[in-house]
Amino acid sequence: MTTSFGAATAAIIADDPKLHLARNSCGLRTASNSLLLTKRPHLFCPSSSPTASSLIRAVSTQPRYVDPLNVTAMACPALPLCPLAIAEAERGIPDLLKRVRAVFEKVGLKYNESVVIRVTGCPNGCARPYMAELGLVGDGPNSYQIWLGGTPNQTLLAKAFKDKVKIQDLEKVLEPLFYHWKRKRLSKESFGDFTNRMGHEKLLELVNKWEGIPLGASRYNLKLFADKETYEAMDTLARLQDKSAHQLAMDIIRDYVASHRKW
């Protein structure tokens, strides 16, 4: 029998501060003299002994108890270990995955839906971001080049999508991408396949025009049409208030409706 689990989860021990990686390593050595590291990376522990399998399960966290985003994610060591690194990767990916999960929840994606994410601290790409559905390649301090278009099984190369994205601005890019994936994907279409079908030019347009998730977008839709002169006047007024023309138009409509209510 072969027992396998994600290497990234092997050091996670049931939220008990008394259990450390040393115990994990000892348990794995006791259970199996042969440990195989896969490209994911996962650990494969070949064993035909039920006792060994039980021991492995006792010192590890099974993937079903780990966020699906974490199971397939990977990062290179980067700072402070690698002299080539110009951005964070391994130290930053735990927080990054939490932020991605928060965006998933915000746009309505289910918990069991996942995206293969790879983060690397420099263009050498030791974590293989160039085959990921979402790859982040360090291109400066706290700055990343975003790659899109790999597939879940890494059979297709990704393509560069956007340069010099500051880590604090990541949601501004991910939110529109995941929002439109949720609403425009084909049946069982992965994020990588979706980005390839849509094309980077169209996706970049969606990102640049993004103004946030429309309130009640799934139930209520109000389109406004105006002549060029009216639109330009509205746009000028909106800029003075640091708004978009659409936002200002909606504010005006809400105020008008509120002032004419009879109840």
Foldseek 3Di string as FASTA:
>chain_A
DKDKAAPLFLQPAPPDPVQGVVLSVVLLVVLAVDWDADLLGMIIGDDPDPVSVVSNPNRTPHPVVPQPQSRREEEDCAPPPDPQFAEDTPVPVVVVVVVLVVLCVVLPHDRPAYFREYEYRAPVCPRVQQQGQWYWHHPHYQFTFIWHQHDPVSPDTTDTQDGGQHNVCVCLLSNQLSNCCVPPPDVVDHSNNVCVVCDSVNSVVSSVPDDDDDVVPVPDDDDDDDDPVVQVVLQVVQVVVVHGSVVSVVVVVVVVCVVPDPD
